[in-house]
Amino acid sequence: MSIVKLNNKAVSNATAFGSITSLGSMTFIKKLTASSSATLSFVNGTDGVVLDDTYKEYVFTFKDIHPATDNAELQFNMSTDSGSNYNITKTSTTFLAYHSGTTDSNANLVYDGNYDLAQGTGFQNIAFNIGNGNSECASGTLQLFNPSSTTFVKHFICNTSVYESDNRNFNCFTAGYGNTTSAVDAIQFKMISGNIDAGDICLYGIA
């Protein structure tokens, strides 16, 4: 039998390893790029968008989301009628960590009920107080679980990093569920006020 040597860099001199299968994959589906855009919408079956039972989990990534209006908040909502209405009833909760980038003070980890929805149909805030300075933006991810289910509610988890308007970094954590057993077939993103000046949002399916 050959010797297996561990040297903090690699495994060498091994004759065989056990097979690893069914690890799943992350499949790119669609990228939307903002350019003074009022909304960015992903609608199943439109322009190559897949948001159905092909995957049990979908992930949206946000990169360098820059608002036209200072101190704006990125939001999302879901639809069960191919985007005719974005008004799914949701319950959610939010906590965040923040730290000043100029004074090394004003740091905290807090629960913020101001961003919670309690069976509300409005858009859910997921990135808070984004600055519109040249270097200010938000990035992060939104996970949506089994949106095509006609049995269960639609859970989501979001994590974003924000360069805030007063030179603080926010790490925002939001989770909740869309209280519907109808299939969700469209997701829309927008700012709470003004346009999405720049940035892109990509959609992936998780096998």
N, C-alpha and C. Protein backbone atom coordinates (compact mmCIF):
# COMPACT_ATOMS: atom_id res chain seq x y z
N MET A 1 0.85 -1.20 0.00
CA MET A 1 0.00 0.00 0.00
C MET A 1 0.88 1.24 0.00
N SER A 2 0.55 2.21 -0.84
CA SER A 2 1.34 3.42 -0.92
C SER A 2 1.08 4.32 0.28
N ILE A 3 2.07 5.14 0.60
CA ILE A 3 1.96 6.06 1.73
C ILE A 3 1.28 7.36 1.28
N VAL A 4 0.37 7.87 2.11
CA VAL A 4 -0.27 9.16 1.87
C VAL A 4 0.42 10.20 2.73
N LYS A 5 1.01 11.20 2.13
CA LYS A 5 1.74 12.23 2.85
C LYS A 5 0.99 13.54 2.79
N LEU A 6 0.75 14.17 3.95
CA LEU A 6 0.08 15.47 4.03
C LEU A 6 1.12 16.52 4.36
N ASN A 7 1.22 17.57 3.53
CA ASN A 7 2.24 18.59 3.75
C ASN A 7 1.66 20.00 3.71
N ASN A 8 0.37 20.12 4.06
CA ASN A 8 -0.33 21.41 4.07
C ASN A 8 -0.55 21.99 2.69
N LYS A 9 -0.11 21.30 1.65
CA LYS A 9 -0.30 21.80 0.29
C LYS A 9 -1.06 20.82 -0.58
N ALA A 10 -0.79 19.54 -0.42
CA ALA A 10 -1.41 18.56 -1.30
C ALA A 10 -1.29 17.17 -0.70
N VAL A 11 -2.01 16.23 -1.29
CA VAL A 11 -1.87 14.82 -0.94
C VAL A 11 -1.07 14.16 -2.05
N SER A 12 0.04 13.51 -1.69
CA SER A 12 0.88 12.88 -2.70
C SER A 12 1.05 11.40 -2.42
N ASN A 13 1.43 10.66 -3.45
CA ASN A 13 1.73 9.24 -3.35
C ASN A 13 0.53 8.39 -2.94
N ALA A 14 -0.66 8.84 -3.25
CA ALA A 14 -1.85 8.04 -2.98
C ALA A 14 -2.20 7.26 -4.24
N THR A 15 -2.50 5.98 -4.08
CA THR A 15 -2.82 5.16 -5.25
C THR A 15 -4.25 5.32 -5.71
N ALA A 16 -5.16 5.68 -4.80
CA ALA A 16 -6.57 5.83 -5.19
C ALA A 16 -7.31 6.63 -4.14
N PHE A 17 -8.34 7.31 -4.57
CA PHE A 17 -9.24 8.01 -3.67
C PHE A 17 -10.65 7.49 -3.92
N GLY A 18 -11.46 7.53 -2.91
CA GLY A 18 -12.86 7.18 -3.09
C GLY A 18 -13.54 8.21 -4.00
N SER A 19 -14.50 7.76 -4.75
CA SER A 19 -15.18 8.65 -5.69
C SER A 19 -16.14 9.57 -4.95
N ILE A 20 -16.27 10.79 -5.47
CA ILE A 20 -17.21 11.77 -4.94
C ILE A 20 -18.15 12.14 -6.06
N THR A 21 -19.42 11.84 -5.87
CA THR A 21 -20.40 12.08 -6.93
C THR A 21 -21.57 12.89 -6.40
N SER A 22 -22.36 13.39 -7.30
CA SER A 22 -23.62 14.07 -6.97
C SER A 22 -23.41 15.27 -6.06
N LEU A 23 -22.33 16.04 -6.34
CA LEU A 23 -22.08 17.24 -5.55
C LEU A 23 -22.95 18.40 -6.00
N GLY A 24 -23.63 18.27 -7.14
CA GLY A 24 -24.46 19.35 -7.63
C GLY A 24 -23.64 20.35 -8.43
N SER A 25 -24.32 21.33 -8.98
CA SER A 25 -23.65 22.33 -9.80
C SER A 25 -24.42 23.63 -9.76
N MET A 26 -23.74 24.69 -10.13
CA MET A 26 -24.32 26.03 -10.20
C MET A 26 -24.34 26.44 -11.67
N THR A 27 -25.52 26.58 -12.23
CA THR A 27 -25.67 26.82 -13.66
C THR A 27 -26.11 28.25 -13.92
N PHE A 28 -25.30 28.98 -14.70
CA PHE A 28 -25.66 30.35 -15.07
C PHE A 28 -26.88 30.34 -15.98
N ILE A 29 -27.83 31.24 -15.70
CA ILE A 29 -29.06 31.33 -16.49
C ILE A 29 -29.17 32.66 -17.23
N LYS A 30 -29.04 33.77 -16.49
CA LYS A 30 -29.31 35.08 -17.12
C LYS A 30 -28.61 36.19 -16.36
N LYS A 31 -28.12 37.17 -17.11
CA LYS A 31 -27.54 38.38 -16.51
C LYS A 31 -28.29 39.60 -17.02
N LEU A 32 -28.69 40.47 -16.09
CA LEU A 32 -29.30 41.75 -16.43
C LEU A 32 -28.39 42.86 -15.93
N THR A 33 -28.10 43.83 -16.79
CA THR A 33 -27.23 44.95 -16.44
C THR A 33 -28.05 46.23 -16.39
N ALA A 34 -27.93 46.94 -15.29
CA ALA A 34 -28.68 48.18 -15.11
C ALA A 34 -28.00 49.34 -15.82
N SER A 35 -28.80 50.22 -16.37
CA SER A 35 -28.33 51.48 -16.94
C SER A 35 -29.45 52.49 -16.77
N SER A 36 -29.44 53.16 -15.62
CA SER A 36 -30.54 54.05 -15.24
C SER A 36 -31.88 53.32 -15.37
N SER A 37 -31.94 52.12 -14.80
CA SER A 37 -33.09 51.24 -14.94
C SER A 37 -34.05 51.40 -13.75
N ALA A 38 -35.33 51.55 -14.05
CA ALA A 38 -36.33 51.63 -12.99
C ALA A 38 -36.49 50.29 -12.30
N THR A 39 -36.44 49.19 -13.07
CA THR A 39 -36.57 47.85 -12.53
C THR A 39 -35.70 46.88 -13.33
N LEU A 40 -35.34 45.77 -12.69
CA LEU A 40 -34.74 44.62 -13.36
C LEU A 40 -35.61 43.41 -13.01
N SER A 41 -36.17 42.75 -14.03
CA SER A 41 -37.13 41.68 -13.80
C SER A 41 -36.70 40.39 -14.48
N PHE A 42 -36.82 39.29 -13.75
CA PHE A 42 -36.56 37.95 -14.26
C PHE A 42 -37.90 37.22 -14.33
N VAL A 43 -38.37 36.97 -15.55
CA VAL A 43 -39.68 36.34 -15.76
C VAL A 43 -39.47 35.01 -16.46
N ASN A 44 -39.98 33.95 -15.87
CA ASN A 44 -39.80 32.62 -16.43
C ASN A 44 -40.29 32.55 -17.88
N GLY A 45 -39.45 31.97 -18.74
CA GLY A 45 -39.82 31.80 -20.14
C GLY A 45 -39.61 33.02 -21.00
N THR A 46 -39.06 34.11 -20.43
CA THR A 46 -38.83 35.34 -21.17
C THR A 46 -37.34 35.58 -21.34
N ASP A 47 -36.88 35.74 -22.55
CA ASP A 47 -35.47 36.06 -22.83
C ASP A 47 -34.51 35.07 -22.17
N GLY A 48 -34.86 33.80 -22.23
CA GLY A 48 -33.97 32.77 -21.72
C GLY A 48 -34.00 32.55 -20.22
N VAL A 49 -34.90 33.21 -19.51
CA VAL A 49 -34.98 33.06 -18.06
C VAL A 49 -35.66 31.74 -17.72
N VAL A 50 -35.05 30.98 -16.83
CA VAL A 50 -35.64 29.77 -16.27
C VAL A 50 -35.90 30.00 -14.79
N LEU A 51 -37.14 29.89 -14.37
CA LEU A 51 -37.50 30.06 -12.96
C LEU A 51 -38.70 29.14 -12.71
N ASP A 52 -38.42 27.83 -12.80
CA ASP A 52 -39.49 26.84 -12.70
C ASP A 52 -38.96 25.63 -11.95
N ASP A 53 -39.52 24.43 -12.23
CA ASP A 53 -39.11 23.25 -11.50
C ASP A 53 -37.83 22.61 -12.03
N THR A 54 -37.14 23.30 -12.95
CA THR A 54 -35.84 22.80 -13.42
C THR A 54 -34.86 22.68 -12.26
N TYR A 55 -34.91 23.64 -11.32
CA TYR A 55 -34.04 23.64 -10.15
C TYR A 55 -34.88 23.82 -8.89
N LYS A 56 -34.40 23.26 -7.78
CA LYS A 56 -35.07 23.42 -6.49
C LYS A 56 -34.60 24.67 -5.75
N GLU A 57 -33.47 25.22 -6.19
CA GLU A 57 -32.94 26.45 -5.57
C GLU A 57 -32.41 27.35 -6.67
N TYR A 58 -32.67 28.65 -6.53
CA TYR A 58 -32.13 29.66 -7.44
C TYR A 58 -31.35 30.69 -6.63
N VAL A 59 -30.26 31.19 -7.21
CA VAL A 59 -29.45 32.20 -6.55
C VAL A 59 -29.29 33.40 -7.48
N PHE A 60 -29.57 34.59 -6.94
CA PHE A 60 -29.31 35.85 -7.64
C PHE A 60 -28.07 36.48 -7.01
N THR A 61 -27.14 36.93 -7.85
CA THR A 61 -25.98 37.66 -7.35
C THR A 61 -26.06 39.11 -7.79
N PHE A 62 -25.76 40.03 -6.87
CA PHE A 62 -25.75 41.46 -7.16
C PHE A 62 -24.30 41.93 -7.17
N LYS A 63 -23.91 42.65 -8.19
CA LYS A 63 -22.54 43.14 -8.27
C LYS A 63 -22.53 44.63 -8.57
N ASP A 64 -21.93 45.40 -7.66
CA ASP A 64 -21.74 46.84 -7.82
C ASP A 64 -23.05 47.56 -8.16
N ILE A 65 -24.08 47.30 -7.36
CA ILE A 65 -25.37 47.97 -7.55
C ILE A 65 -25.24 49.41 -7.06
N HIS A 66 -25.37 50.34 -7.99
CA HIS A 66 -25.15 51.76 -7.71
C HIS A 66 -26.44 52.52 -7.95
N PRO A 67 -26.98 53.19 -6.93
CA PRO A 67 -28.25 53.91 -7.09
C PRO A 67 -28.06 55.30 -7.69
N ALA A 68 -29.06 55.76 -8.38
CA ALA A 68 -29.05 57.14 -8.87
C ALA A 68 -29.31 58.12 -7.73
N THR A 69 -30.08 57.68 -6.73
CA THR A 69 -30.46 58.52 -5.59
C THR A 69 -29.65 58.12 -4.37
N ASP A 70 -29.10 59.08 -3.66
CA ASP A 70 -28.31 58.79 -2.47
C ASP A 70 -29.18 58.20 -1.38
N ASN A 71 -28.57 57.32 -0.57
CA ASN A 71 -29.24 56.73 0.59
C ASN A 71 -30.45 55.89 0.16
N ALA A 72 -30.32 55.16 -0.93
CA ALA A 72 -31.42 54.36 -1.45
C ALA A 72 -31.30 52.92 -0.96
N GLU A 73 -32.38 52.17 -1.13
CA GLU A 73 -32.42 50.78 -0.68
C GLU A 73 -32.86 49.88 -1.83
N LEU A 74 -32.13 48.77 -2.01
CA LEU A 74 -32.49 47.80 -3.03
C LEU A 74 -33.59 46.89 -2.48
N GLN A 75 -34.59 46.60 -3.32
CA GLN A 75 -35.75 45.82 -2.91
C GLN A 75 -36.04 44.71 -3.93
N PHE A 76 -36.82 43.72 -3.50
CA PHE A 76 -37.30 42.73 -4.46
C PHE A 76 -38.72 42.31 -4.08
N ASN A 77 -39.41 41.76 -5.06
CA ASN A 77 -40.72 41.15 -4.82
C ASN A 77 -40.91 40.00 -5.79
N MET A 78 -41.91 39.18 -5.52
CA MET A 78 -42.19 37.98 -6.29
C MET A 78 -43.55 38.09 -6.96
N SER A 79 -43.72 37.28 -8.02
CA SER A 79 -44.98 37.27 -8.76
C SER A 79 -45.39 35.83 -9.05
N THR A 80 -46.69 35.61 -9.08
CA THR A 80 -47.22 34.29 -9.47
C THR A 80 -47.99 34.37 -10.79
N ASP A 81 -47.95 35.53 -11.44
CA ASP A 81 -48.70 35.70 -12.70
C ASP A 81 -47.80 36.28 -13.80
N SER A 82 -46.57 35.76 -13.85
CA SER A 82 -45.60 36.14 -14.89
C SER A 82 -45.30 37.63 -14.92
N GLY A 83 -45.32 38.25 -13.77
CA GLY A 83 -44.91 39.65 -13.66
C GLY A 83 -46.01 40.66 -13.85
N SER A 84 -47.25 40.24 -13.99
CA SER A 84 -48.34 41.21 -14.08
C SER A 84 -48.49 41.96 -12.76
N ASN A 85 -48.24 41.25 -11.65
CA ASN A 85 -48.29 41.85 -10.32
C ASN A 85 -47.14 41.31 -9.48
N TYR A 86 -46.44 42.21 -8.81
CA TYR A 86 -45.41 41.83 -7.85
C TYR A 86 -45.92 42.22 -6.46
N ASN A 87 -46.64 41.29 -5.84
CA ASN A 87 -47.33 41.64 -4.59
C ASN A 87 -47.54 40.42 -3.69
N ILE A 88 -46.56 39.51 -3.65
CA ILE A 88 -46.71 38.31 -2.84
C ILE A 88 -46.64 38.68 -1.36
N THR A 89 -47.54 38.12 -0.57
CA THR A 89 -47.54 38.32 0.88
C THR A 89 -46.29 37.68 1.48
N LYS A 90 -45.58 38.45 2.31
CA LYS A 90 -44.30 37.99 2.85
C LYS A 90 -44.20 38.28 4.35
N THR A 91 -43.50 37.39 5.04
CA THR A 91 -43.06 37.64 6.42
C THR A 91 -41.55 37.50 6.45
N SER A 92 -40.87 38.44 7.10
CA SER A 92 -39.40 38.47 7.03
C SER A 92 -38.80 39.04 8.30
N THR A 93 -37.50 38.90 8.41
CA THR A 93 -36.76 39.48 9.54
C THR A 93 -35.38 39.90 9.07
N THR A 94 -34.80 40.90 9.75
CA THR A 94 -33.53 41.48 9.31
C THR A 94 -32.63 41.79 10.51
N PHE A 95 -31.35 41.45 10.36
CA PHE A 95 -30.35 42.00 11.28
C PHE A 95 -29.15 42.45 10.46
N LEU A 96 -28.34 43.30 11.03
CA LEU A 96 -27.20 43.84 10.28
C LEU A 96 -26.05 44.20 11.21
N ALA A 97 -24.86 44.15 10.63
CA ALA A 97 -23.65 44.62 11.29
C ALA A 97 -23.15 45.84 10.54
N TYR A 98 -22.60 46.82 11.26
CA TYR A 98 -22.06 47.99 10.58
C TYR A 98 -20.82 48.51 11.29
N HIS A 99 -20.02 49.25 10.53
CA HIS A 99 -18.76 49.78 11.04
C HIS A 99 -18.39 51.01 10.23
N SER A 100 -18.00 52.08 10.90
CA SER A 100 -17.60 53.29 10.23
C SER A 100 -16.29 53.08 9.49
N GLY A 101 -16.21 53.65 8.28
CA GLY A 101 -14.98 53.54 7.50
C GLY A 101 -14.06 54.71 7.67
N THR A 102 -14.43 55.66 8.52
CA THR A 102 -13.61 56.86 8.66
C THR A 102 -13.09 57.07 10.07
N THR A 103 -13.80 56.59 11.09
CA THR A 103 -13.42 56.89 12.47
C THR A 103 -13.11 55.66 13.30
N ASP A 104 -13.27 54.45 12.74
CA ASP A 104 -13.07 53.21 13.48
C ASP A 104 -13.94 53.19 14.73
N SER A 105 -15.12 53.77 14.63
CA SER A 105 -16.08 53.76 15.73
C SER A 105 -17.45 53.46 15.12
N ASN A 106 -18.47 53.69 15.89
CA ASN A 106 -19.83 53.52 15.38
C ASN A 106 -19.99 52.13 14.76
N ALA A 107 -19.64 51.11 15.55
CA ALA A 107 -19.75 49.72 15.10
C ALA A 107 -20.77 49.00 15.96
N ASN A 108 -21.58 48.13 15.33
CA ASN A 108 -22.62 47.45 16.09
C ASN A 108 -23.16 46.26 15.31
N LEU A 109 -23.84 45.39 16.00
CA LEU A 109 -24.59 44.28 15.42
C LEU A 109 -25.99 44.37 16.00
N VAL A 110 -27.00 44.59 15.15
CA VAL A 110 -28.33 44.91 15.65
C VAL A 110 -29.42 44.17 14.85
N TYR A 111 -30.50 43.90 15.54
CA TYR A 111 -31.74 43.50 14.87
C TYR A 111 -32.48 44.78 14.52
N ASP A 112 -32.98 44.87 13.30
CA ASP A 112 -33.68 46.09 12.86
C ASP A 112 -35.06 45.72 12.35
N GLY A 113 -36.05 45.91 13.20
CA GLY A 113 -37.43 45.59 12.84
C GLY A 113 -38.04 46.53 11.83
N ASN A 114 -37.36 47.64 11.53
CA ASN A 114 -37.91 48.58 10.55
C ASN A 114 -38.02 47.98 9.16
N TYR A 115 -37.20 46.94 8.89
CA TYR A 115 -37.19 46.34 7.56
C TYR A 115 -38.00 45.05 7.48
N ASP A 116 -38.58 44.65 8.60
CA ASP A 116 -39.38 43.43 8.62
C ASP A 116 -40.71 43.64 7.91
N LEU A 117 -41.21 42.57 7.33
CA LEU A 117 -42.58 42.53 6.82
C LEU A 117 -43.35 41.50 7.64
N ALA A 118 -44.57 41.82 7.98
CA ALA A 118 -45.44 40.92 8.73
C ALA A 118 -46.69 40.69 7.89
N GLN A 119 -46.61 39.68 7.03
CA GLN A 119 -47.68 39.41 6.08
C GLN A 119 -47.99 40.64 5.23
N GLY A 120 -46.92 41.27 4.78
CA GLY A 120 -47.03 42.45 3.91
C GLY A 120 -46.81 42.09 2.46
N THR A 121 -47.43 42.83 1.57
CA THR A 121 -47.32 42.55 0.14
C THR A 121 -46.34 43.48 -0.57
N GLY A 122 -45.78 44.43 0.16
CA GLY A 122 -44.85 45.37 -0.45
C GLY A 122 -43.51 44.75 -0.78
N PHE A 123 -42.65 45.53 -1.43
CA PHE A 123 -41.30 45.06 -1.76
C PHE A 123 -40.46 44.91 -0.49
N GLN A 124 -39.63 43.87 -0.48
CA GLN A 124 -38.75 43.60 0.64
C GLN A 124 -37.42 44.30 0.44
N ASN A 125 -37.00 45.13 1.42
CA ASN A 125 -35.70 45.77 1.36
C ASN A 125 -34.61 44.75 1.67
N ILE A 126 -33.53 44.75 0.89
CA ILE A 126 -32.45 43.78 1.10
C ILE A 126 -31.06 44.41 1.14
N ALA A 127 -30.90 45.66 0.76
CA ALA A 127 -29.63 46.38 0.89
C ALA A 127 -29.97 47.82 1.26
N PHE A 128 -29.42 48.30 2.36
CA PHE A 128 -29.93 49.50 2.99
C PHE A 128 -28.99 50.71 2.86
N ASN A 129 -29.59 51.87 2.62
CA ASN A 129 -28.87 53.15 2.67
C ASN A 129 -27.65 53.18 1.76
N ILE A 130 -27.79 52.69 0.54
CA ILE A 130 -26.67 52.64 -0.39
C ILE A 130 -26.33 54.06 -0.85
N GLY A 131 -25.07 54.42 -0.78
CA GLY A 131 -24.65 55.73 -1.24
C GLY A 131 -24.54 55.79 -2.75
N ASN A 132 -24.68 57.00 -3.29
CA ASN A 132 -24.56 57.16 -4.75
C ASN A 132 -23.28 57.89 -5.15
N GLY A 133 -22.31 57.95 -4.21
CA GLY A 133 -21.01 58.48 -4.57
C GLY A 133 -20.33 57.59 -5.59
N ASN A 134 -19.28 58.11 -6.23
CA ASN A 134 -18.64 57.38 -7.32
C ASN A 134 -18.17 55.99 -6.91
N SER A 135 -17.74 55.81 -5.67
CA SER A 135 -17.21 54.52 -5.23
C SER A 135 -18.20 53.72 -4.40
N GLU A 136 -19.40 54.20 -4.24
CA GLU A 136 -20.37 53.57 -3.34
C GLU A 136 -21.31 52.63 -4.10
N CYS A 137 -21.58 51.47 -3.50
CA CYS A 137 -22.41 50.48 -4.18
C CYS A 137 -22.79 49.39 -3.18
N ALA A 138 -23.52 48.38 -3.67
CA ALA A 138 -23.89 47.21 -2.87
C ALA A 138 -23.68 45.95 -3.70
N SER A 139 -23.29 44.87 -3.02
CA SER A 139 -23.14 43.56 -3.67
C SER A 139 -23.65 42.49 -2.72
N GLY A 140 -24.04 41.34 -3.26
CA GLY A 140 -24.52 40.28 -2.39
C GLY A 140 -25.23 39.18 -3.14
N THR A 141 -26.01 38.39 -2.39
CA THR A 141 -26.73 37.26 -2.95
C THR A 141 -28.13 37.16 -2.37
N LEU A 142 -29.03 36.58 -3.17
CA LEU A 142 -30.38 36.23 -2.72
C LEU A 142 -30.63 34.79 -3.12
N GLN A 143 -30.96 33.94 -2.15
CA GLN A 143 -31.31 32.55 -2.42
C GLN A 143 -32.83 32.41 -2.35
N LEU A 144 -33.40 31.74 -3.34
CA LEU A 144 -34.84 31.47 -3.38
C LEU A 144 -35.02 29.97 -3.52
N PHE A 145 -35.80 29.38 -2.62
CA PHE A 145 -35.90 27.93 -2.54
C PHE A 145 -37.23 27.43 -3.13
N ASN A 146 -37.10 26.52 -4.08
CA ASN A 146 -38.22 25.79 -4.67
C ASN A 146 -39.40 26.70 -5.05
N PRO A 147 -39.16 27.70 -5.89
CA PRO A 147 -40.23 28.65 -6.22
C PRO A 147 -41.40 28.03 -6.98
N SER A 148 -41.18 26.89 -7.63
CA SER A 148 -42.25 26.29 -8.43
C SER A 148 -43.18 25.41 -7.61
N SER A 149 -42.90 25.24 -6.32
CA SER A 149 -43.73 24.37 -5.50
C SER A 149 -45.18 24.86 -5.44
N THR A 150 -46.11 23.94 -5.54
CA THR A 150 -47.53 24.26 -5.35
C THR A 150 -48.04 23.66 -4.05
N THR A 151 -47.08 23.32 -3.16
CA THR A 151 -47.42 22.76 -1.85
C THR A 151 -46.94 23.66 -0.71
N PHE A 152 -45.70 24.19 -0.85
CA PHE A 152 -45.06 24.89 0.26
C PHE A 152 -44.89 26.38 -0.02
N VAL A 153 -44.68 27.16 1.07
CA VAL A 153 -44.35 28.58 0.93
C VAL A 153 -42.96 28.72 0.35
N LYS A 154 -42.57 29.95 0.00
CA LYS A 154 -41.33 30.18 -0.75
C LYS A 154 -40.30 30.90 0.12
N HIS A 155 -39.37 30.15 0.68
CA HIS A 155 -38.36 30.73 1.56
C HIS A 155 -37.27 31.45 0.77
N PHE A 156 -36.73 32.51 1.37
CA PHE A 156 -35.60 33.23 0.79
C PHE A 156 -34.63 33.66 1.87
N ILE A 157 -33.34 33.77 1.50
CA ILE A 157 -32.27 34.25 2.37
C ILE A 157 -31.43 35.22 1.56
N CYS A 158 -31.14 36.39 2.13
CA CYS A 158 -30.35 37.39 1.42
C CYS A 158 -29.22 37.90 2.31
N ASN A 159 -28.05 38.11 1.70
CA ASN A 159 -26.90 38.68 2.40
C ASN A 159 -26.24 39.70 1.48
N THR A 160 -26.15 40.95 1.92
CA THR A 160 -25.56 42.00 1.10
C THR A 160 -24.52 42.79 1.88
N SER A 161 -23.54 43.31 1.14
CA SER A 161 -22.54 44.21 1.69
C SER A 161 -22.74 45.58 1.04
N VAL A 162 -22.84 46.62 1.87
CA VAL A 162 -23.23 47.94 1.39
C VAL A 162 -22.20 48.99 1.81
N TYR A 163 -21.75 49.80 0.87
CA TYR A 163 -21.02 51.03 1.19
C TYR A 163 -22.09 52.11 1.36
N GLU A 164 -22.34 52.45 2.61
CA GLU A 164 -23.47 53.30 2.94
C GLU A 164 -23.19 54.76 2.64
N SER A 165 -24.24 55.55 2.63
CA SER A 165 -24.13 56.96 2.24
C SER A 165 -23.31 57.79 3.22
N ASP A 166 -23.19 57.35 4.49
CA ASP A 166 -22.38 58.12 5.44
C ASP A 166 -21.06 57.41 5.76
N ASN A 167 -20.54 56.70 4.75
CA ASN A 167 -19.20 56.09 4.81
C ASN A 167 -19.09 54.97 5.84
N ARG A 168 -20.18 54.24 6.04
CA ARG A 168 -20.12 53.02 6.84
C ARG A 168 -20.32 51.82 5.93
N ASN A 169 -19.78 50.68 6.37
CA ASN A 169 -20.09 49.42 5.71
C ASN A 169 -21.22 48.74 6.47
N PHE A 170 -22.24 48.31 5.73
CA PHE A 170 -23.33 47.52 6.29
C PHE A 170 -23.23 46.10 5.75
N ASN A 171 -23.33 45.12 6.63
CA ASN A 171 -23.53 43.73 6.21
C ASN A 171 -24.96 43.38 6.61
N CYS A 172 -25.82 43.23 5.61
CA CYS A 172 -27.26 43.10 5.85
C CYS A 172 -27.69 41.65 5.65
N PHE A 173 -28.44 41.12 6.62
CA PHE A 173 -28.95 39.76 6.56
C PHE A 173 -30.48 39.80 6.64
N THR A 174 -31.14 39.29 5.62
CA THR A 174 -32.59 39.27 5.57
C THR A 174 -33.06 37.88 5.18
N ALA A 175 -34.09 37.40 5.86
CA ALA A 175 -34.65 36.09 5.52
C ALA A 175 -36.16 36.13 5.76
N GLY A 176 -36.85 35.26 5.05
CA GLY A 176 -38.30 35.20 5.22
C GLY A 176 -38.92 34.23 4.26
N TYR A 177 -40.23 34.37 4.07
CA TYR A 177 -40.91 33.51 3.13
C TYR A 177 -42.05 34.26 2.44
N GLY A 178 -42.28 33.89 1.19
CA GLY A 178 -43.47 34.34 0.49
C GLY A 178 -44.61 33.39 0.82
N ASN A 179 -45.66 33.93 1.38
CA ASN A 179 -46.74 33.09 1.90
C ASN A 179 -47.73 32.74 0.78
N THR A 180 -47.26 31.91 -0.14
CA THR A 180 -48.12 31.45 -1.23
C THR A 180 -47.76 30.01 -1.58
N THR A 181 -48.75 29.22 -1.91
CA THR A 181 -48.51 27.87 -2.43
C THR A 181 -48.66 27.83 -3.94
N SER A 182 -48.84 28.99 -4.55
CA SER A 182 -48.80 29.07 -6.01
C SER A 182 -47.34 29.15 -6.46
N ALA A 183 -47.07 28.70 -7.66
CA ALA A 183 -45.71 28.76 -8.19
C ALA A 183 -45.29 30.21 -8.44
N VAL A 184 -44.12 30.57 -7.93
CA VAL A 184 -43.54 31.89 -8.20
C VAL A 184 -42.78 31.79 -9.52
N ASP A 185 -43.12 32.66 -10.48
CA ASP A 185 -42.52 32.57 -11.82
C ASP A 185 -41.86 33.87 -12.27
N ALA A 186 -41.72 34.83 -11.37
CA ALA A 186 -41.05 36.09 -11.73
C ALA A 186 -40.56 36.79 -10.47
N ILE A 187 -39.40 37.44 -10.59
CA ILE A 187 -38.78 38.22 -9.51
C ILE A 187 -38.40 39.58 -10.08
N GLN A 188 -38.70 40.64 -9.33
CA GLN A 188 -38.34 41.99 -9.77
C GLN A 188 -37.52 42.69 -8.69
N PHE A 189 -36.49 43.44 -9.15
CA PHE A 189 -35.64 44.23 -8.27
C PHE A 189 -35.78 45.71 -8.65
N LYS A 190 -35.73 46.58 -7.64
CA LYS A 190 -35.77 48.02 -7.88
C LYS A 190 -35.23 48.74 -6.65
N MET A 191 -35.02 50.05 -6.79
CA MET A 191 -34.67 50.88 -5.66
C MET A 191 -35.93 51.42 -5.00
N ILE A 192 -35.84 51.71 -3.73
CA ILE A 192 -36.99 52.26 -3.02
C ILE A 192 -37.36 53.62 -3.58
N SER A 193 -36.37 54.32 -4.14
CA SER A 193 -36.62 55.59 -4.85
C SER A 193 -35.54 55.77 -5.90
N GLY A 194 -35.91 56.33 -7.03
CA GLY A 194 -34.95 56.54 -8.11
C GLY A 194 -34.64 55.25 -8.85
N ASN A 195 -33.70 55.34 -9.79
CA ASN A 195 -33.34 54.22 -10.64
C ASN A 195 -32.12 53.47 -10.11
N ILE A 196 -31.91 52.27 -10.65
CA ILE A 196 -30.64 51.57 -10.48
C ILE A 196 -29.71 52.12 -11.55
N ASP A 197 -28.77 52.93 -11.15
CA ASP A 197 -27.92 53.64 -12.10
C ASP A 197 -26.99 52.69 -12.85
N ALA A 198 -26.42 51.71 -12.13
CA ALA A 198 -25.47 50.78 -12.74
C ALA A 198 -25.40 49.52 -11.88
N GLY A 199 -24.71 48.51 -12.42
CA GLY A 199 -24.56 47.24 -11.73
C GLY A 199 -25.25 46.13 -12.49
N ASP A 200 -25.00 44.90 -12.07
CA ASP A 200 -25.68 43.78 -12.74
C ASP A 200 -26.17 42.76 -11.72
N ILE A 201 -27.21 42.03 -12.13
CA ILE A 201 -27.79 40.96 -11.34
C ILE A 201 -27.79 39.71 -12.22
N CYS A 202 -27.24 38.63 -11.68
CA CYS A 202 -27.19 37.35 -12.41
C CYS A 202 -28.06 36.32 -11.69
N LEU A 203 -28.64 35.45 -12.49
CA LEU A 203 -29.48 34.36 -11.97
C LEU A 203 -28.80 33.03 -12.25
N TYR A 204 -28.74 32.17 -11.25
CA TYR A 204 -28.16 30.84 -11.36
C TYR A 204 -29.15 29.80 -10.83
N GLY A 205 -29.13 28.61 -11.40
CA GLY A 205 -29.87 27.48 -10.87
C GLY A 205 -28.92 26.54 -10.15
N ILE A 206 -29.35 26.01 -9.01
CA ILE A 206 -28.53 25.10 -8.22
C ILE A 206 -29.09 23.69 -8.35
N ALA A 207 -28.31 22.80 -8.94
CA ALA A 207 -28.76 21.43 -9.16
C ALA A 207 -28.52 20.59 -7.91
